[in-house]
Amino acid sequence: MWSKLYPLLRQSLFCLPAETSHHLAIDAFAALGALPFNGGVSKGARAVQLMGLTFPNRVGLAAGLDKDARAAEGLAALGFGHVEVGTVTPLPQPGNPQPRLFRIPPAGAMVNRMGFNSEGLSAMVRRLEGIRSRNRLRDTLLGVNLGKNKDTPVQEAHRDYVRGLEAVYPYADYVTLNLSSPNTPGLRTLQSPEALRELLTAVLDARERVGRGRTKPVVVKIAPDLVAEDLDAIAAVVSTLRIDGIIATNTTITRPGVDECWQQEAGGLSGPPLLPLSLATVRGIRERLGPSVPIIGVGGISSSDDARAMFAAGADLVQVYTGFIYRGPILVHELARV
């Protein structure tokens, strides 16, 4: 059904501004989630045991699409093994001025500078409570991606992440610390060894307090623009503090594989041009961490061959976002069978 229906839907949506289309799609997915029979995890997929969780398949939805957990149930119905909502910030914030989301159809890519637009933790928690009370995710796991408010000084960023973890911990299957968006000033400095150690120590201490014997995974999302020394430092901190996993990667501030007119457009680039950078980062962090730390590969995956390449590089799971925008639910089912 989706192989015929989605190209028609995409054609209509792509006639509208990108952010308008985004909001319409979220409304549609939210409506799908309210239906009495709304699908579920892709059939024929192999379940994976990872971080103490059972992922019913190896493909998930990356954070950024459903920022405020408005459509998680409908998205779960499309066959994802896990859905990651957010990025959510402690306080509501509007994000960057519009326009801030751009399609690049010739490259199957996008540029965004959303800037962590978020309704805040209070709204997120209300929706997560509803999701858990309705129990309509089927077997799909739910991750929550946390960020800091733009006005929070980088030196105090750990307070925002601790506050986020404390709020969403009862409802999330795992929690992601987004330290790598290029659209919040100073955020990527949190990937430096000293800042990363301080932040992760504070978050893990908070997990001990709120977990009460039930430890849920905490993973860190890193950038694709790191050099070898950065990966060395991150791997050392992650190994020492025993972080549960790595998501590699976020969007890139570079502009490989797109026309010159996009070179000066601020924001992060996603889609197929990002894939080589993401593969290199996954490969590099896997070499440094060995086989024991789970890695979720994301960035530029738009086909089963891309997913195979990501698994070969060392990823245990994959996530999609831009590929899902361009190809729709058929991509989910295709990747779930890889």
Protein backbone atom coordinates (compact mmCIF):
# COMPACT_ATOMS: atom_id res chain seq x y z
CA MET A 1 0.00 0.00 0.00
CA TRP A 2 2.65 2.52 1.08
CA SER A 3 4.75 1.96 -2.06
CA LYS A 4 1.92 3.48 -4.14
CA LEU A 5 0.35 5.86 -1.63
CA TYR A 6 3.38 7.61 -0.16
CA PRO A 7 4.83 9.00 -3.43
CA LEU A 8 1.48 10.73 -4.01
CA LEU A 9 1.41 12.09 -0.48
CA ARG A 10 5.00 13.26 -0.75
CA GLN A 11 4.29 15.06 -4.01
CA SER A 12 1.55 17.05 -2.29
CA LEU A 13 3.57 17.71 0.85
CA PHE A 14 6.60 18.86 -1.11
CA CYS A 15 4.48 21.58 -2.71
CA LEU A 16 4.30 23.22 0.72
CA PRO A 17 7.05 24.84 2.81
CA ALA A 18 9.07 22.16 4.57
CA GLU A 19 8.04 23.07 8.12
CA THR A 20 4.35 23.32 7.15
CA SER A 21 4.58 19.82 5.68
CA HIS A 22 6.28 18.64 8.84
CA HIS A 23 3.41 19.81 11.04
CA LEU A 24 0.81 18.28 8.73
CA ALA A 25 2.64 14.95 8.78
CA ILE A 26 2.82 14.95 12.58
CA ASP A 27 -0.93 15.65 12.74
CA ALA A 28 -1.53 12.73 10.36
CA PHE A 29 0.66 10.36 12.37
CA ALA A 30 -1.08 11.44 15.57
CA ALA A 31 -4.44 10.65 13.98
CA LEU A 32 -3.13 7.26 12.88
CA GLY A 33 -2.10 6.52 16.45
CA ALA A 34 -5.68 7.13 17.64
CA LEU A 35 -7.14 4.43 15.38
CA PRO A 36 -8.26 1.21 17.11
CA PHE A 37 -6.13 -1.03 14.86
CA ASN A 38 -3.00 0.70 13.72
CA GLY A 39 -0.41 -1.86 12.69
CA GLY A 40 2.75 -2.45 14.63
CA VAL A 41 6.30 -3.73 14.37
CA SER A 42 7.36 -4.96 10.92
CA LYS A 43 6.82 -8.66 10.38
CA GLY A 44 9.70 -10.96 9.56
CA ALA A 45 12.27 -8.92 11.50
CA ARG A 46 14.76 -10.35 13.97
CA ALA A 47 14.59 -9.10 17.55
CA VAL A 48 17.82 -7.82 19.10
CA GLN A 49 18.82 -7.84 22.77
CA LEU A 50 20.74 -4.66 23.52
CA MET A 51 21.36 -2.52 26.61
CA GLY A 52 19.08 -4.82 28.59
CA LEU A 53 16.19 -4.12 26.20
CA THR A 54 14.51 -6.19 23.50
CA PHE A 55 14.37 -4.25 20.23
CA PRO A 56 11.82 -6.03 18.00
CA ASN A 57 13.79 -5.01 14.92
CA ARG A 58 16.93 -3.04 14.16
CA VAL A 59 15.42 0.12 12.66
CA GLY A 60 14.29 3.14 14.63
CA LEU A 61 13.09 6.68 14.07
CA ALA A 62 15.70 9.30 14.93
CA ALA A 63 14.91 12.23 17.19
CA GLY A 64 13.83 15.48 15.58
CA LEU A 65 10.71 14.39 13.75
CA ASP A 66 8.38 14.08 16.74
CA LYS A 67 9.91 16.70 18.97
CA ASP A 68 7.07 16.86 21.50
CA ALA A 69 5.86 13.23 21.51
CA ARG A 70 2.65 14.16 19.72
CA ALA A 71 2.65 11.23 17.29
CA ALA A 72 4.70 8.43 18.84
CA GLU A 73 1.86 5.89 18.71
CA GLY A 74 1.14 6.52 15.04
CA LEU A 75 4.83 6.37 14.16
CA ALA A 76 5.18 3.11 16.07
CA ALA A 77 2.37 1.72 13.90
CA LEU A 78 4.54 2.17 10.80
CA GLY A 79 6.83 -0.68 11.80
CA PHE A 80 9.66 0.95 13.74
CA GLY A 81 11.37 -1.15 16.38
CA HIS A 82 11.98 1.99 18.39
CA VAL A 83 10.87 5.61 18.18
CA GLU A 84 12.94 8.41 19.69
CA VAL A 85 11.03 11.57 20.57
CA GLY A 86 12.53 14.99 21.27
CA THR A 87 14.82 16.82 21.47
CA VAL A 88 13.02 18.22 24.51
CA THR A 89 14.37 21.10 26.59
CA PRO A 90 13.45 21.79 30.22
CA LEU A 91 11.65 25.06 29.43
CA PRO A 92 9.61 25.81 26.32
CA GLN A 93 11.51 27.70 23.64
CA PRO A 94 10.63 28.74 20.08
CA GLY A 95 13.87 27.72 18.38
CA ASN A 96 15.46 29.72 15.59
CA PRO A 97 13.55 32.12 13.29
CA GLN A 98 11.79 30.68 10.25
CA PRO A 99 12.52 29.58 7.60
CA ARG A 100 14.76 27.00 9.24
CA LEU A 101 14.07 23.74 7.40
CA PHE A 102 15.01 23.22 3.74
CA ARG A 103 14.72 20.32 1.32
CA ILE A 104 17.39 19.48 -1.28
CA PRO A 105 15.55 16.97 -3.51
CA PRO A 106 18.35 16.36 -6.06
CA ALA A 107 20.50 15.00 -3.20
CA GLY A 108 17.64 13.50 -1.17
CA ALA A 109 18.91 15.75 1.60
CA MET A 110 17.79 18.43 4.02
CA VAL A 111 19.30 21.34 5.94
CA ASN A 112 17.81 22.36 9.27
CA ARG A 113 18.60 24.96 11.87
CA MET A 114 15.56 24.37 14.07
CA GLY A 115 17.40 25.21 17.29
CA PHE A 116 15.68 22.83 19.71
CA ASN A 117 12.18 24.27 19.31
CA SER A 118 10.33 22.54 22.12
CA GLU A 119 7.15 22.76 24.14
CA GLY A 120 9.22 21.86 27.20
CA LEU A 121 9.31 19.05 29.71
CA SER A 122 5.90 19.64 31.28
CA ALA A 123 4.09 19.16 27.97
CA MET A 124 6.30 16.19 27.07
CA VAL A 125 5.64 14.43 30.38
CA ARG A 126 1.87 14.84 30.03
CA ARG A 127 2.01 13.18 26.62
CA LEU A 128 4.31 10.42 27.81
CA GLU A 129 1.92 9.67 30.67
CA GLY A 130 -0.90 9.33 28.15
CA ILE A 131 1.16 7.09 25.89
CA ARG A 132 2.00 4.73 28.71
CA SER A 133 -1.56 4.67 30.07
CA ARG A 134 -3.00 3.77 26.64
CA ASN A 135 -0.39 1.06 26.05
CA ARG A 136 -0.65 1.35 22.27
CA LEU A 137 3.01 1.22 21.31
CA ARG A 138 2.80 -2.56 20.96
CA ASP A 139 6.39 -3.83 21.20
CA THR A 140 7.97 -0.63 19.90
CA LEU A 141 10.44 0.89 22.36
CA LEU A 142 10.34 4.59 23.23
CA GLY A 143 13.44 6.73 23.61
CA VAL A 144 13.48 10.33 24.79
CA ASN A 145 16.14 12.72 23.51
CA LEU A 146 17.21 15.47 25.91
CA GLY A 147 18.81 18.86 25.24
CA LYS A 148 19.61 22.08 27.02
CA ASN A 149 17.83 25.40 26.73
CA LYS A 150 19.56 27.96 24.52
CA ASP A 151 19.87 30.44 27.41
CA THR A 152 21.43 27.92 29.79
CA PRO A 153 25.18 28.59 30.03
CA VAL A 154 27.29 25.69 28.83
CA GLN A 155 28.90 25.49 32.29
CA GLU A 156 25.46 24.74 33.75
CA ALA A 157 24.24 22.44 30.98
CA HIS A 158 24.41 19.37 33.20
CA ARG A 159 21.54 20.81 35.26
CA ASP A 160 19.25 20.82 32.20
CA TYR A 161 20.12 17.23 31.32
CA VAL A 162 19.62 16.07 34.91
CA ARG A 163 16.27 17.84 35.06
CA GLY A 164 15.27 16.19 31.80
CA LEU A 165 16.29 12.73 32.92
CA GLU A 166 14.44 13.06 36.22
CA ALA A 167 11.24 14.10 34.41
CA VAL A 168 11.11 11.49 31.63
CA TYR A 169 12.75 8.54 33.39
CA PRO A 170 9.48 6.85 34.47
CA TYR A 171 8.22 6.76 30.87
CA ALA A 172 11.25 6.25 28.61
CA ASP A 173 12.74 2.89 27.69
CA TYR A 174 16.06 4.68 27.18
CA VAL A 175 17.29 8.27 27.35
CA THR A 176 19.54 10.05 24.84
CA LEU A 177 21.75 13.02 25.68
CA ASN A 178 21.95 15.22 22.59
CA LEU A 179 25.35 16.91 22.76
CA SER A 180 25.86 17.31 19.04
CA SER A 181 23.22 19.51 17.41
CA PRO A 182 24.97 22.28 15.46
CA ASN A 183 22.06 24.67 16.00
CA THR A 184 22.41 25.48 19.72
CA PRO A 185 25.38 27.76 20.43
CA GLY A 186 28.14 26.02 22.37
CA LEU A 187 26.38 22.66 22.57
CA ARG A 188 29.07 20.70 20.77
CA THR A 189 31.68 21.85 23.30
CA LEU A 190 29.98 19.42 25.68
CA GLN A 191 31.72 16.64 23.71
CA SER A 192 35.12 17.80 25.03
CA PRO A 193 36.60 15.43 27.64
CA GLU A 194 36.24 17.61 30.73
CA ALA A 195 32.74 18.85 29.95
CA LEU A 196 31.59 15.39 28.89
CA ARG A 197 32.89 13.77 32.06
CA GLU A 198 31.21 16.35 34.29
CA LEU A 199 27.89 16.11 32.46
CA LEU A 200 27.78 12.32 32.30
CA THR A 201 28.76 11.95 35.94
CA ALA A 202 25.91 14.26 36.98
CA VAL A 203 23.39 12.42 34.77
CA LEU A 204 24.45 8.97 35.95
CA ASP A 205 24.26 10.08 39.59
CA ALA A 206 20.73 11.34 38.90
CA ARG A 207 19.84 8.00 37.32
CA GLU A 208 20.90 6.22 40.50
CA ARG A 209 18.68 8.50 42.56
CA VAL A 210 15.54 8.19 40.44
CA GLY A 211 16.02 4.64 39.20
CA ARG A 212 15.47 2.98 42.57
CA GLY A 213 17.04 -0.24 41.41
CA ARG A 214 15.69 -0.08 37.85
CA THR A 215 18.49 1.16 35.63
CA LYS A 216 17.46 2.38 32.19
CA PRO A 217 20.01 2.94 29.43
CA VAL A 218 21.58 6.35 28.89
CA VAL A 219 23.18 6.93 25.49
CA VAL A 220 25.09 9.86 24.02
CA LYS A 221 24.52 11.30 20.54
CA ILE A 222 27.70 12.57 18.89
CA ALA A 223 28.54 14.66 15.82
CA PRO A 224 29.90 13.45 12.46
CA ASP A 225 32.45 16.26 12.34
CA LEU A 226 34.80 14.93 15.03
CA VAL A 227 38.49 14.30 14.37
CA ALA A 228 40.44 11.27 15.60
CA GLU A 229 41.52 12.99 18.83
CA ASP A 230 37.90 13.80 19.64
CA LEU A 231 36.87 10.18 19.18
CA ASP A 232 39.77 9.07 21.37
CA ALA A 233 38.63 11.36 24.17
CA ILE A 234 34.94 10.44 23.90
CA ALA A 235 35.73 6.73 23.86
CA ALA A 236 37.89 7.09 26.97
CA VAL A 237 35.16 8.90 28.93
CA VAL A 238 32.41 6.55 27.75
CA SER A 239 34.46 3.50 28.71
CA THR A 240 35.42 4.87 32.11
CA LEU A 241 31.88 5.89 33.08
CA ARG A 242 30.26 2.87 31.41
CA ILE A 243 27.73 4.76 29.33
CA ASP A 244 25.22 2.33 27.83
CA GLY A 245 25.60 3.30 24.18
CA ILE A 246 26.46 5.79 21.46
CA ILE A 247 24.28 7.25 18.70
CA ALA A 248 26.41 8.24 15.75
CA THR A 249 25.69 10.69 14.25
CA ASN A 250 23.86 13.98 14.25
CA THR A 251 23.80 16.31 11.21
CA THR A 252 26.98 17.84 9.74
CA ILE A 253 28.04 21.46 9.48
CA THR A 254 29.95 20.59 6.29
CA ARG A 255 28.31 20.51 2.85
CA PRO A 256 29.50 17.44 0.91
CA GLY A 257 27.55 16.45 -2.19
CA VAL A 258 25.21 19.44 -2.48
CA ASP A 259 25.12 22.41 -4.82
CA GLU A 260 27.15 25.52 -4.11
CA CYS A 261 24.04 27.51 -3.22
CA TRP A 262 23.76 25.46 -0.01
CA GLN A 263 27.33 26.02 1.13
CA GLN A 264 26.48 29.21 3.06
CA GLU A 265 23.10 28.08 4.42
CA ALA A 266 23.45 27.76 8.19
CA GLY A 267 22.36 24.54 9.87
CA GLY A 268 22.98 20.83 9.82
CA LEU A 269 22.95 18.76 6.63
CA SER A 270 21.25 15.35 6.64
CA GLY A 271 20.50 12.71 4.02
CA PRO A 272 22.73 10.67 1.68
CA PRO A 273 25.59 13.23 1.55
CA LEU A 274 26.04 12.63 5.30
CA LEU A 275 26.41 8.84 5.02
CA PRO A 276 30.20 8.66 4.43
CA LEU A 277 30.84 10.86 7.47
CA SER A 278 28.48 8.84 9.64
CA LEU A 279 30.00 5.55 8.51
CA ALA A 280 33.49 6.84 9.28
CA THR A 281 32.39 7.98 12.76
CA VAL A 282 30.69 4.66 13.53
CA ARG A 283 33.75 2.78 12.31
CA GLY A 284 36.08 4.98 14.33
CA ILE A 285 34.14 4.80 17.58
CA ARG A 286 33.70 1.03 17.20
CA GLU A 287 37.46 0.58 16.77
CA ARG A 288 38.03 2.52 19.96
CA LEU A 289 35.27 0.99 22.11
CA GLY A 290 35.47 -2.60 20.94
CA PRO A 291 32.42 -4.86 20.69
CA SER A 292 30.93 -4.30 24.13
CA VAL A 293 29.36 -0.81 23.78
CA PRO A 294 26.21 -0.67 21.61
CA ILE A 295 26.22 1.78 18.72
CA ILE A 296 23.15 3.12 16.92
CA GLY A 297 24.10 4.29 13.44
CA VAL A 298 22.19 7.19 11.92
CA GLY A 299 22.91 9.65 9.14
CA GLY A 300 22.18 9.27 5.45
CA ILE A 301 20.48 5.88 5.49
CA SER A 302 17.94 5.70 2.67
CA SER A 303 18.21 2.10 1.41
CA SER A 304 18.89 -1.43 2.57
CA ASP A 305 22.42 -1.17 1.13
CA ASP A 306 23.05 1.88 3.32
CA ALA A 307 21.88 -0.04 6.38
CA ARG A 308 24.13 -2.99 5.51
CA ALA A 309 27.06 -0.62 5.23
CA MET A 310 26.22 0.84 8.64
CA PHE A 311 26.04 -2.60 10.23
CA ALA A 312 29.33 -3.55 8.57
CA ALA A 313 30.90 -0.39 10.04
CA GLY A 314 29.95 -1.59 13.52
CA ALA A 315 26.42 -0.38 14.27
CA ASP A 316 24.06 -2.64 16.20
CA LEU A 317 20.90 -0.69 15.29
CA VAL A 318 20.10 2.05 12.78
CA GLN A 319 17.84 5.08 12.82
CA VAL A 320 16.35 7.07 9.95
CA TYR A 321 14.91 10.54 9.54
CA THR A 322 15.58 12.23 6.19
CA GLY A 323 15.38 8.93 4.30
CA PHE A 324 11.98 8.40 5.92
CA ILE A 325 10.86 11.85 4.73
CA TYR A 326 11.79 11.04 1.14
CA ARG A 327 10.79 7.36 0.99
CA GLY A 328 8.12 6.94 3.67
CA PRO A 329 7.07 3.82 5.58
CA ILE A 330 8.24 1.46 2.84
CA LEU A 331 11.81 2.27 3.92
CA VAL A 332 11.05 1.09 7.47
CA HIS A 333 9.85 -2.31 6.30
CA GLU A 334 12.76 -2.62 3.89
CA LEU A 335 15.35 -1.91 6.56
CA ALA A 336 13.68 -4.13 9.16
CA ARG A 337 14.38 -7.12 6.94
CA VAL A 338 18.10 -6.39 6.48
